Amino acid sequence: MIVDWLGFGYALIVALGGAVGYIRKGSKISLIAGIIFGITAGYGAYCVTHNPRDIKISLFTAFLLTTVMGVRFKRSKKLMPAGIVAGLSLLMILRLVLMLV
């Protein structure tokens, strides 16, 4: 069994991003969303660890974050945090799709 370290790392980055948003700006929404998406991405990484073809949850989480943060990046033109999270999520989607090939 190979552990999905990249998936768990992605989940940690998402969760920490929400915490940083709360600490720096006092945004409770960032904290809640970061924790929810971080837990969901972590569960997805757990599923991929046990079955490398079970990418549904990870793919859904990354797709949702790519969409939401991509729209925020397009609107604000700020690389931090929206552009970075959208880019990481897009890379995660590519990685997950390539795992199926």
PDB file of N, CA and C in Angstrom:
ATOM      1  N   MET A   1       0.847  -1.177   0.000  1.00  0.00           N
ATOM      2  CA  MET A   1       0.000   0.000   0.000  1.00  0.00           C
ATOM      3  C   MET A   1       0.896   1.245   0.000  1.00  0.00           C
ATOM      4  N   ILE A   2       0.681   2.116  -0.985  1.00  0.00           N
ATOM      5  CA  ILE A   2       1.450   3.352  -1.101  1.00  0.00           C
ATOM      6  C   ILE A   2       0.611   4.495  -0.548  1.00  0.00           C
ATOM      7  N   VAL A   3       1.178   5.238   0.383  1.00  0.00           N
ATOM      8  CA  VAL A   3       0.470   6.353   1.003  1.00  0.00           C
ATOM      9  C   VAL A   3       0.460   7.542   0.042  1.00  0.00           C
ATOM     10  N   ASP A   4      -0.675   8.201  -0.074  1.00  0.00           N
ATOM     11  CA  ASP A   4      -0.833   9.363  -0.949  1.00  0.00           C
ATOM     12  C   ASP A   4      -0.341  10.625  -0.225  1.00  0.00           C
ATOM     13  N   TRP A   5       0.988  10.733  -0.135  1.00  0.00           N
ATOM     14  CA  TRP A   5       1.574  11.862   0.592  1.00  0.00           C
ATOM     15  C   TRP A   5       1.245  13.201  -0.061  1.00  0.00           C
ATOM     16  N   LEU A   6       1.203  13.239  -1.381  1.00  0.00           N
ATOM     17  CA  LEU A   6       0.858  14.489  -2.071  1.00  0.00           C
ATOM     18  C   LEU A   6      -0.577  14.907  -1.752  1.00  0.00           C
ATOM     19  N   GLY A   7      -1.462  13.952  -1.692  1.00  0.00           N
ATOM     20  CA  GLY A   7      -2.853  14.246  -1.348  1.00  0.00           C
ATOM     21  C   GLY A   7      -2.997  14.765   0.069  1.00  0.00           C
ATOM     22  N   PHE A   8      -2.287  14.122   1.004  1.00  0.00           N
ATOM     23  CA  PHE A   8      -2.337  14.586   2.395  1.00  0.00           C
ATOM     24  C   PHE A   8      -1.682  15.958   2.543  1.00  0.00           C
ATOM     25  N   GLY A   9      -0.605  16.193   1.798  1.00  0.00           N
ATOM     26  CA  GLY A   9       0.050  17.501   1.821  1.00  0.00           C
ATOM     27  C   GLY A   9      -0.863  18.590   1.282  1.00  0.00           C
ATOM     28  N   TYR A  10      -1.566  18.283   0.204  1.00  0.00           N
ATOM     29  CA  TYR A  10      -2.530  19.223  -0.374  1.00  0.00           C
ATOM     30  C   TYR A  10      -3.623  19.547   0.644  1.00  0.00           C
ATOM     31  N   ALA A  11      -4.131  18.523   1.322  1.00  0.00           N
ATOM     32  CA  ALA A  11      -5.166  18.732   2.337  1.00  0.00           C
ATOM     33  C   ALA A  11      -4.655  19.621   3.465  1.00  0.00           C
ATOM     34  N   LEU A  12      -3.426  19.405   3.869  1.00  0.00           N
ATOM     35  CA  LEU A  12      -2.834  20.223   4.932  1.00  0.00           C
ATOM     36  C   LEU A  12      -2.674  21.673   4.488  1.00  0.00           C
ATOM     37  N   ILE A  13      -2.236  21.886   3.255  1.00  0.00           N
ATOM     38  CA  ILE A  13      -2.076  23.247   2.737  1.00  0.00           C
ATOM     39  C   ILE A  13      -3.421  23.965   2.692  1.00  0.00           C
ATOM     40  N   VAL A  14      -4.459  23.275   2.268  1.00  0.00           N
ATOM     41  CA  VAL A  14      -5.789  23.883   2.202  1.00  0.00           C
ATOM     42  C   VAL A  14      -6.277  24.257   3.604  1.00  0.00           C
ATOM     43  N   ALA A  15      -6.124  23.351   4.548  1.00  0.00           N
ATOM     44  CA  ALA A  15      -6.570  23.619   5.910  1.00  0.00           C
ATOM     45  C   ALA A  15      -5.761  24.751   6.546  1.00  0.00           C
ATOM     46  N   LEU A  16      -4.447  24.734   6.355  1.00  0.00           N
ATOM     47  CA  LEU A  16      -3.613  25.806   6.908  1.00  0.00           C
ATOM     48  C   LEU A  16      -3.923  27.145   6.250  1.00  0.00           C
ATOM     49  N   GLY A  17      -4.269  27.121   4.967  1.00  0.00           N
ATOM     50  CA  GLY A  17      -4.649  28.347   4.277  1.00  0.00           C
ATOM     51  C   GLY A  17      -5.885  28.981   4.895  1.00  0.00           C
ATOM     52  N   GLY A  18      -6.838  28.177   5.259  1.00  0.00           N
ATOM     53  CA  GLY A  18      -8.028  28.688   5.937  1.00  0.00           C
ATOM     54  C   GLY A  18      -7.691  29.274   7.291  1.00  0.00           C
ATOM     55  N   ALA A  19      -6.802  28.621   8.016  1.00  0.00           N
ATOM     56  CA  ALA A  19      -6.389  29.129   9.331  1.00  0.00           C
ATOM     57  C   ALA A  19      -5.624  30.440   9.194  1.00  0.00           C
ATOM     58  N   VAL A  20      -4.763  30.530   8.191  1.00  0.00           N
ATOM     59  CA  VAL A  20      -4.004  31.769   7.966  1.00  0.00           C
ATOM     60  C   VAL A  20      -4.948  32.900   7.587  1.00  0.00           C
ATOM     61  N   GLY A  21      -5.954  32.613   6.760  1.00  0.00           N
ATOM     62  CA  GLY A  21      -6.944  33.626   6.405  1.00  0.00           C
ATOM     63  C   GLY A  21      -7.680  34.145   7.626  1.00  0.00           C
ATOM     64  N   TYR A  22      -7.959  33.263   8.562  1.00  0.00           N
ATOM     65  CA  TYR A  22      -8.624  33.684   9.795  1.00  0.00           C
ATOM     66  C   TYR A  22      -7.694  34.519  10.662  1.00  0.00           C
ATOM     67  N   ILE A  23      -6.455  34.091  10.790  1.00  0.00           N
ATOM     68  CA  ILE A  23      -5.499  34.814  11.639  1.00  0.00           C
ATOM     69  C   ILE A  23      -5.188  36.192  11.077  1.00  0.00           C
ATOM     70  N   ARG A  24      -4.946  36.278   9.764  1.00  0.00           N
ATOM     71  CA  ARG A  24      -4.536  37.549   9.155  1.00  0.00           C
ATOM     72  C   ARG A  24      -5.683  38.527   8.957  1.00  0.00           C
ATOM     73  N   LYS A  25      -6.848  38.021   8.549  1.00  0.00           N
ATOM     74  CA  LYS A  25      -7.961  38.903   8.206  1.00  0.00           C
ATOM     75  C   LYS A  25      -9.170  38.760   9.130  1.00  0.00           C
ATOM     76  N   GLY A  26      -9.131  37.788  10.009  1.00  0.00           N
ATOM     77  CA  GLY A  26     -10.269  37.564  10.894  1.00  0.00           C
ATOM     78  C   GLY A  26     -11.464  36.947  10.180  1.00  0.00           C
ATOM     79  N   SER A  27     -11.233  36.292   9.058  1.00  0.00           N
ATOM     80  CA  SER A  27     -12.309  35.727   8.246  1.00  0.00           C
ATOM     81  C   SER A  27     -12.715  34.352   8.764  1.00  0.00           C
ATOM     82  N   LYS A  28     -13.893  34.306   9.366  1.00  0.00           N
ATOM     83  CA  LYS A  28     -14.397  33.028   9.862  1.00  0.00           C
ATOM     84  C   LYS A  28     -14.774  32.098   8.713  1.00  0.00           C
ATOM     85  N   ILE A  29     -15.231  32.686   7.608  1.00  0.00           N
ATOM     86  CA  ILE A  29     -15.582  31.885   6.430  1.00  0.00           C
ATOM     87  C   ILE A  29     -14.346  31.150   5.909  1.00  0.00           C
ATOM     88  N   SER A  30     -13.199  31.837   5.862  1.00  0.00           N
ATOM     89  CA  SER A  30     -11.964  31.193   5.406  1.00  0.00           C
ATOM     90  C   SER A  30     -11.601  30.024   6.311  1.00  0.00           C
ATOM     91  N   LEU A  31     -11.744  30.218   7.603  1.00  0.00           N
ATOM     92  CA  LEU A  31     -11.429  29.157   8.557  1.00  0.00           C
ATOM     93  C   LEU A  31     -12.343  27.957   8.357  1.00  0.00           C
ATOM     94  N   ILE A  32     -13.638  28.203   8.270  1.00  0.00           N
ATOM     95  CA  ILE A  32     -14.601  27.111   8.117  1.00  0.00           C
ATOM     96  C   ILE A  32     -14.393  26.384   6.788  1.00  0.00           C
ATOM     97  N   ALA A  33     -14.258  27.160   5.699  1.00  0.00           N
ATOM     98  CA  ALA A  33     -14.063  26.542   4.382  1.00  0.00           C
ATOM     99  C   ALA A  33     -12.746  25.780   4.332  1.00  0.00           C
ATOM    100  N   GLY A  34     -11.685  26.358   4.903  1.00  0.00           N
ATOM    101  CA  GLY A  34     -10.394  25.680   4.916  1.00  0.00           C
ATOM    102  C   GLY A  34     -10.448  24.362   5.655  1.00  0.00           C
ATOM    103  N   ILE A  35     -11.117  24.365   6.786  1.00  0.00           N
ATOM    104  CA  ILE A  35     -11.221  23.126   7.567  1.00  0.00           C
ATOM    105  C   ILE A  35     -12.070  22.091   6.834  1.00  0.00           C
ATOM    106  N   ILE A  36     -13.210  22.520   6.293  1.00  0.00           N
ATOM    107  CA  ILE A  36     -14.087  21.572   5.592  1.00  0.00           C
ATOM    108  C   ILE A  36     -13.395  20.990   4.363  1.00  0.00           C
ATOM    109  N   PHE A  37     -12.806  21.864   3.537  1.00  0.00           N
ATOM    110  CA  PHE A  37     -12.137  21.368   2.332  1.00  0.00           C
ATOM    111  C   PHE A  37     -10.879  20.585   2.683  1.00  0.00           C
ATOM    112  N   GLY A  38     -10.179  20.981   3.745  1.00  0.00           N
ATOM    113  CA  GLY A  38      -8.996  20.240   4.173  1.00  0.00           C
ATOM    114  C   GLY A  38      -9.338  18.832   4.631  1.00  0.00           C
ATOM    115  N   ILE A  39     -10.398  18.723   5.400  1.00  0.00           N
ATOM    116  CA  ILE A  39     -10.842  17.399   5.868  1.00  0.00           C
ATOM    117  C   ILE A  39     -11.309  16.548   4.687  1.00  0.00           C
ATOM    118  N   THR A  40     -12.058  17.174   3.778  1.00  0.00           N
ATOM    119  CA  THR A  40     -12.545  16.435   2.610  1.00  0.00           C
ATOM    120  C   THR A  40     -11.387  15.960   1.728  1.00  0.00           C
ATOM    121  N   ALA A  41     -10.410  16.837   1.510  1.00  0.00           N
ATOM    122  CA  ALA A  41      -9.238  16.455   0.711  1.00  0.00           C
ATOM    123  C   ALA A  41      -8.426  15.380   1.434  1.00  0.00           C
ATOM    124  N   GLY A  42      -8.348  15.473   2.754  1.00  0.00           N
ATOM    125  CA  GLY A  42      -7.646  14.451   3.531  1.00  0.00           C
ATOM    126  C   GLY A  42      -8.338  13.105   3.446  1.00  0.00           C
ATOM    127  N   TYR A  43      -9.662  13.108   3.498  1.00  0.00           N
ATOM    128  CA  TYR A  43     -10.407  11.861   3.351  1.00  0.00           C
ATOM    129  C   TYR A  43     -10.218  11.292   1.946  1.00  0.00           C
ATOM    130  N   GLY A  44     -10.192  12.177   0.953  1.00  0.00           N
ATOM    131  CA  GLY A  44      -9.940  11.733  -0.418  1.00  0.00           C
ATOM    132  C   GLY A  44      -8.573  11.088  -0.551  1.00  0.00           C
ATOM    133  N   ALA A  45      -7.563  11.681   0.100  1.00  0.00           N
ATOM    134  CA  ALA A  45      -6.218  11.102   0.078  1.00  0.00           C
ATOM    135  C   ALA A  45      -6.201   9.746   0.791  1.00  0.00           C
ATOM    136  N   TYR A  46      -6.971   9.632   1.847  1.00  0.00           N
ATOM    137  CA  TYR A  46      -7.099   8.358   2.560  1.00  0.00           C
ATOM    138  C   TYR A  46      -7.698   7.296   1.638  1.00  0.00           C
ATOM    139  N   CYS A  47      -8.740   7.679   0.885  1.00  0.00           N
ATOM    140  CA  CYS A  47      -9.366   6.737  -0.059  1.00  0.00           C
ATOM    141  C   CYS A  47      -8.387   6.325  -1.153  1.00  0.00           C
ATOM    142  N   VAL A  48      -7.619   7.280  -1.665  1.00  0.00           N
ATOM    143  CA  VAL A  48      -6.636   6.977  -2.714  1.00  0.00           C
ATOM    144  C   VAL A  48      -5.535   6.074  -2.164  1.00  0.00           C
ATOM    145  N   THR A  49      -5.195   6.251  -0.894  1.00  0.00           N
ATOM    146  CA  THR A  49      -4.179   5.406  -0.274  1.00  0.00           C
ATOM    147  C   THR A  49      -4.632   3.946  -0.251  1.00  0.00           C
ATOM    148  N   HIS A  50      -5.897   3.717   0.050  1.00  0.00           N
ATOM    149  CA  HIS A  50      -6.402   2.348   0.144  1.00  0.00           C
ATOM    150  C   HIS A  50      -6.772   1.741  -1.199  1.00  0.00           C
ATOM    151  N   ASN A  51      -7.134   2.599  -2.169  1.00  0.00           N
ATOM    152  CA  ASN A  51      -7.463   2.119  -3.512  1.00  0.00           C
ATOM    153  C   ASN A  51      -7.069   3.220  -4.497  1.00  0.00           C
ATOM    154  N   PRO A  52      -5.956   3.080  -5.186  1.00  0.00           N
ATOM    155  CA  PRO A  52      -5.475   4.135  -6.078  1.00  0.00           C
ATOM    156  C   PRO A  52      -6.448   4.524  -7.192  1.00  0.00           C
ATOM    157  N   ARG A  53      -7.461   3.737  -7.441  1.00  0.00           N
ATOM    158  CA  ARG A  53      -8.447   4.079  -8.475  1.00  0.00           C
ATOM    159  C   ARG A  53      -9.650   4.810  -7.898  1.00  0.00           C
ATOM    160  N   ASP A  54      -9.709   4.957  -6.589  1.00  0.00           N
ATOM    161  CA  ASP A  54     -10.824   5.631  -5.917  1.00  0.00           C
ATOM    162  C   ASP A  54     -10.485   7.114  -5.743  1.00  0.00           C
ATOM    163  N   ILE A  55     -10.637   7.875  -6.822  1.00  0.00           N
ATOM    164  CA  ILE A  55     -10.239   9.289  -6.802  1.00  0.00           C
ATOM    165  C   ILE A  55     -11.424  10.238  -6.750  1.00  0.00           C
ATOM    166  N   LYS A  56     -12.637   9.711  -6.608  1.00  0.00           N
ATOM    167  CA  LYS A  56     -13.836  10.534  -6.712  1.00  0.00           C
ATOM    168  C   LYS A  56     -13.838  11.711  -5.744  1.00  0.00           C
ATOM    169  N   ILE A  57     -13.582  11.470  -4.492  1.00  0.00           N
ATOM    170  CA  ILE A  57     -13.660  12.530  -3.486  1.00  0.00           C
ATOM    171  C   ILE A  57     -12.529  13.531  -3.677  1.00  0.00           C
ATOM    172  N   SER A  58     -11.330  13.045  -3.919  1.00  0.00           N
ATOM    173  CA  SER A  58     -10.202  13.945  -4.156  1.00  0.00           C
ATOM    174  C   SER A  58     -10.434  14.794  -5.397  1.00  0.00           C
ATOM    175  N   LEU A  59     -10.924  14.180  -6.437  1.00  0.00           N
ATOM    176  CA  LEU A  59     -11.167  14.891  -7.689  1.00  0.00           C
ATOM    177  C   LEU A  59     -12.265  15.939  -7.518  1.00  0.00           C
ATOM    178  N   PHE A  60     -13.327  15.584  -6.834  1.00  0.00           N
ATOM    179  CA  PHE A  60     -14.415  16.532  -6.594  1.00  0.00           C
ATOM    180  C   PHE A  60     -13.933  17.733  -5.784  1.00  0.00           C
ATOM    181  N   THR A  61     -13.182  17.468  -4.724  1.00  0.00           N
ATOM    182  CA  THR A  61     -12.678  18.550  -3.877  1.00  0.00           C
ATOM    183  C   THR A  61     -11.753  19.472  -4.663  1.00  0.00           C
ATOM    184  N   ALA A  62     -10.823  18.905  -5.402  1.00  0.00           N
ATOM    185  CA  ALA A  62      -9.889  19.716  -6.183  1.00  0.00           C
ATOM    186  C   ALA A  62     -10.616  20.497  -7.273  1.00  0.00           C
ATOM    187  N   PHE A  63     -11.612  19.870  -7.918  1.00  0.00           N
ATOM    188  CA  PHE A  63     -12.377  20.557  -8.956  1.00  0.00           C
ATOM    189  C   PHE A  63     -13.150  21.738  -8.377  1.00  0.00           C
ATOM    190  N   LEU A  64     -13.783  21.525  -7.243  1.00  0.00           N
ATOM    191  CA  LEU A  64     -14.548  22.598  -6.608  1.00  0.00           C
ATOM    192  C   LEU A  64     -13.641  23.757  -6.195  1.00  0.00           C
ATOM    193  N   LEU A  65     -12.494  23.435  -5.610  1.00  0.00           N
ATOM    194  CA  LEU A  65     -11.558  24.491  -5.218  1.00  0.00           C
ATOM    195  C   LEU A  65     -10.965  25.200  -6.434  1.00  0.00           C
ATOM    196  N   THR A  66     -10.685  24.473  -7.497  1.00  0.00           N
ATOM    197  CA  THR A  66     -10.179  25.105  -8.714  1.00  0.00           C
ATOM    198  C   THR A  66     -11.199  26.094  -9.261  1.00  0.00           C
ATOM    199  N   THR A  67     -12.443  25.692  -9.285  1.00  0.00           N
ATOM    200  CA  THR A  67     -13.500  26.553  -9.813  1.00  0.00           C
ATOM    201  C   THR A  67     -13.698  27.796  -8.950  1.00  0.00           C
ATOM    202  N   VAL A  68     -13.896  27.593  -7.661  1.00  0.00           N
ATOM    203  CA  VAL A  68     -14.177  28.716  -6.763  1.00  0.00           C
ATOM    204  C   VAL A  68     -12.992  29.677  -6.686  1.00  0.00           C
ATOM    205  N   MET A  69     -11.818  29.147  -6.460  1.00  0.00           N
ATOM    206  CA  MET A  69     -10.647  30.018  -6.313  1.00  0.00           C
ATOM    207  C   MET A  69     -10.208  30.589  -7.661  1.00  0.00           C
ATOM    208  N   GLY A  70     -10.471  29.878  -8.747  1.00  0.00           N
ATOM    209  CA  GLY A  70     -10.172  30.419 -10.070  1.00  0.00           C
ATOM    210  C   GLY A  70     -11.027  31.638 -10.373  1.00  0.00           C
ATOM    211  N   VAL A  71     -12.307  31.572 -10.025  1.00  0.00           N
ATOM    212  CA  VAL A  71     -13.196  32.722 -10.202  1.00  0.00           C
ATOM    213  C   VAL A  71     -12.745  33.887  -9.319  1.00  0.00           C
ATOM    214  N   ARG A  72     -12.379  33.588  -8.083  1.00  0.00           N
ATOM    215  CA  ARG A  72     -11.896  34.655  -7.191  1.00  0.00           C
ATOM    216  C   ARG A  72     -10.611  35.287  -7.720  1.00  0.00           C
ATOM    217  N   PHE A  73      -9.725  34.457  -8.266  1.00  0.00           N
ATOM    218  CA  PHE A  73      -8.479  34.985  -8.827  1.00  0.00           C
ATOM    219  C   PHE A  73      -8.755  35.857 -10.049  1.00  0.00           C
ATOM    220  N   LYS A  74      -9.657  35.408 -10.898  1.00  0.00           N
ATOM    221  CA  LYS A  74      -9.987  36.178 -12.101  1.00  0.00           C
ATOM    222  C   LYS A  74     -10.590  37.531 -11.729  1.00  0.00           C
ATOM    223  N   ARG A  75     -11.407  37.547 -10.692  1.00  0.00           N
ATOM    224  CA  ARG A  75     -12.063  38.776 -10.275  1.00  0.00           C
ATOM    225  C   ARG A  75     -11.090  39.724  -9.565  1.00  0.00           C
ATOM    226  N   SER A  76     -10.246  39.200  -8.687  1.00  0.00           N
ATOM    227  CA  SER A  76      -9.385  40.053  -7.859  1.00  0.00           C
ATOM    228  C   SER A  76      -7.993  40.276  -8.438  1.00  0.00           C
ATOM    229  N   LYS A  77      -7.542  39.374  -9.316  1.00  0.00           N
ATOM    230  CA  LYS A  77      -6.182  39.415  -9.883  1.00  0.00           C
ATOM    231  C   LYS A  77      -5.100  39.303  -8.806  1.00  0.00           C
ATOM    232  N   LYS A  78      -5.450  38.762  -7.641  1.00  0.00           N
ATOM    233  CA  LYS A  78      -4.488  38.581  -6.555  1.00  0.00           C
ATOM    234  C   LYS A  78      -3.996  37.137  -6.549  1.00  0.00           C
ATOM    235  N   LEU A  79      -2.685  37.004  -6.641  1.00  0.00           N
ATOM    236  CA  LEU A  79      -2.094  35.672  -6.669  1.00  0.00           C
ATOM    237  C   LEU A  79      -2.256  34.959  -5.336  1.00  0.00           C
ATOM    238  N   MET A  80      -2.191  35.726  -4.266  1.00  0.00           N
ATOM    239  CA  MET A  80      -2.277  35.148  -2.922  1.00  0.00           C
ATOM    240  C   MET A  80      -3.615  35.490  -2.316  1.00  0.00           C
ATOM    241  N   PRO A  81      -4.409  34.561  -1.889  1.00  0.00           N
ATOM    242  CA  PRO A  81      -4.285  33.110  -1.899  1.00  0.00           C
ATOM    243  C   PRO A  81      -5.005  32.443  -3.072  1.00  0.00           C
ATOM    244  N   ALA A  82      -5.904  33.194  -3.724  1.00  0.00           N
ATOM    245  CA  ALA A  82      -6.793  32.562  -4.709  1.00  0.00           C
ATOM    246  C   ALA A  82      -6.027  31.924  -5.865  1.00  0.00           C
ATOM    247  N   GLY A  83      -5.050  32.604  -6.424  1.00  0.00           N
ATOM    248  CA  GLY A  83      -4.306  32.076  -7.565  1.00  0.00           C
ATOM    249  C   GLY A  83      -3.499  30.846  -7.212  1.00  0.00           C
ATOM    250  N   ILE A  84      -2.902  30.867  -6.040  1.00  0.00           N
ATOM    251  CA  ILE A  84      -2.079  29.728  -5.619  1.00  0.00           C
ATOM    252  C   ILE A  84      -2.943  28.494  -5.360  1.00  0.00           C
ATOM    253  N   VAL A  85      -4.047  28.680  -4.658  1.00  0.00           N
ATOM    254  CA  VAL A  85      -4.925  27.538  -4.367  1.00  0.00           C
ATOM    255  C   VAL A  85      -5.537  27.002  -5.660  1.00  0.00           C
ATOM    256  N   ALA A  86      -5.941  27.897  -6.570  1.00  0.00           N
ATOM    257  CA  ALA A  86      -6.493  27.448  -7.848  1.00  0.00           C
ATOM    258  C   ALA A  86      -5.438  26.668  -8.636  1.00  0.00           C
ATOM    259  N   GLY A  87      -4.210  27.150  -8.651  1.00  0.00           N
ATOM    260  CA  GLY A  87      -3.133  26.460  -9.365  1.00  0.00           C
ATOM    261  C   GLY A  87      -2.807  25.110  -8.760  1.00  0.00           C
ATOM    262  N   LEU A  88      -2.705  25.059  -7.425  1.00  0.00           N
ATOM    263  CA  LEU A  88      -2.434  23.775  -6.759  1.00  0.00           C
ATOM    264  C   LEU A  88      -3.569  22.782  -6.996  1.00  0.00           C
ATOM    265  N   SER A  89      -4.787  23.282  -6.965  1.00  0.00           N
ATOM    266  CA  SER A  89      -5.939  22.402  -7.177  1.00  0.00           C
ATOM    267  C   SER A  89      -5.961  21.878  -8.611  1.00  0.00           C
ATOM    268  N   LEU A  90      -5.611  22.721  -9.560  1.00  0.00           N
ATOM    269  CA  LEU A  90      -5.544  22.277 -10.953  1.00  0.00           C
ATOM    270  C   LEU A  90      -4.463  21.212 -11.135  1.00  0.00           C
ATOM    271  N   LEU A  91      -3.322  21.417 -10.490  1.00  0.00           N
ATOM    272  CA  LEU A  91      -2.266  20.399 -10.545  1.00  0.00           C
ATOM    273  C   LEU A  91      -2.724  19.090  -9.907  1.00  0.00           C
ATOM    274  N   MET A  92      -3.503  19.203  -8.854  1.00  0.00           N
ATOM    275  CA  MET A  92      -4.019  18.005  -8.198  1.00  0.00           C
ATOM    276  C   MET A  92      -4.989  17.262  -9.120  1.00  0.00           C
ATOM    277  N   ILE A  93      -5.808  18.004  -9.853  1.00  0.00           N
ATOM    278  CA  ILE A  93      -6.718  17.364 -10.807  1.00  0.00           C
ATOM    279  C   ILE A  93      -5.917  16.611 -11.869  1.00  0.00           C
ATOM    280  N   LEU A  94      -4.905  17.269 -12.423  1.00  0.00           N
ATOM    281  CA  LEU A  94      -4.078  16.617 -13.446  1.00  0.00           C
ATOM    282  C   LEU A  94      -3.416  15.361 -12.900  1.00  0.00           C
ATOM    283  N   ARG A  95      -2.919  15.442 -11.696  1.00  0.00           N
ATOM    284  CA  ARG A  95      -2.258  14.288 -11.073  1.00  0.00           C
ATOM    285  C   ARG A  95      -3.246  13.123 -10.902  1.00  0.00           C
ATOM    286  N   LEU A  96      -4.448  13.440 -10.440  1.00  0.00           N
ATOM    287  CA  LEU A  96      -5.437  12.397 -10.209  1.00  0.00           C
ATOM    288  C   LEU A  96      -5.894  11.739 -11.515  1.00  0.00           C
ATOM    289  N   VAL A  97      -6.068  12.563 -12.538  1.00  0.00           N
ATOM    290  CA  VAL A  97      -6.476  12.004 -13.834  1.00  0.00           C
ATOM    291  C   VAL A  97      -5.359  11.125 -14.401  1.00  0.00           C
ATOM    292  N   LEU A  98      -4.118  11.555 -14.254  1.00  0.00           N
ATOM    293  CA  LEU A  98      -2.998  10.758 -14.744  1.00  0.00           C
ATOM    294  C   LEU A  98      -2.841   9.447 -13.976  1.00  0.00           C
ATOM    295  N   MET A  99      -3.302   9.413 -12.744  1.00  0.00           N
ATOM    296  CA  MET A  99      -3.249   8.173 -11.970  1.00  0.00           C
ATOM    297  C   MET A  99      -4.147   7.092 -12.587  1.00  0.00           C
ATOM    298  N   LEU A 100      -5.196   7.521 -13.277  1.00  0.00           N
ATOM    299  CA  LEU A 100      -6.110   6.557 -13.884  1.00  0.00           C
ATOM    300  C   LEU A 100      -5.615   6.029 -15.218  1.00  0.00           C
ATOM    301  N   VAL A 101      -4.704   6.756 -15.832  1.00  0.00           N
ATOM    302  CA  VAL A 101      -4.220   6.344 -17.164  1.00  0.00           C
ATOM    303  C   VAL A 101      -3.231   5.216 -17.044  1.00  0.00           C
TER     304      VAL A 101
END
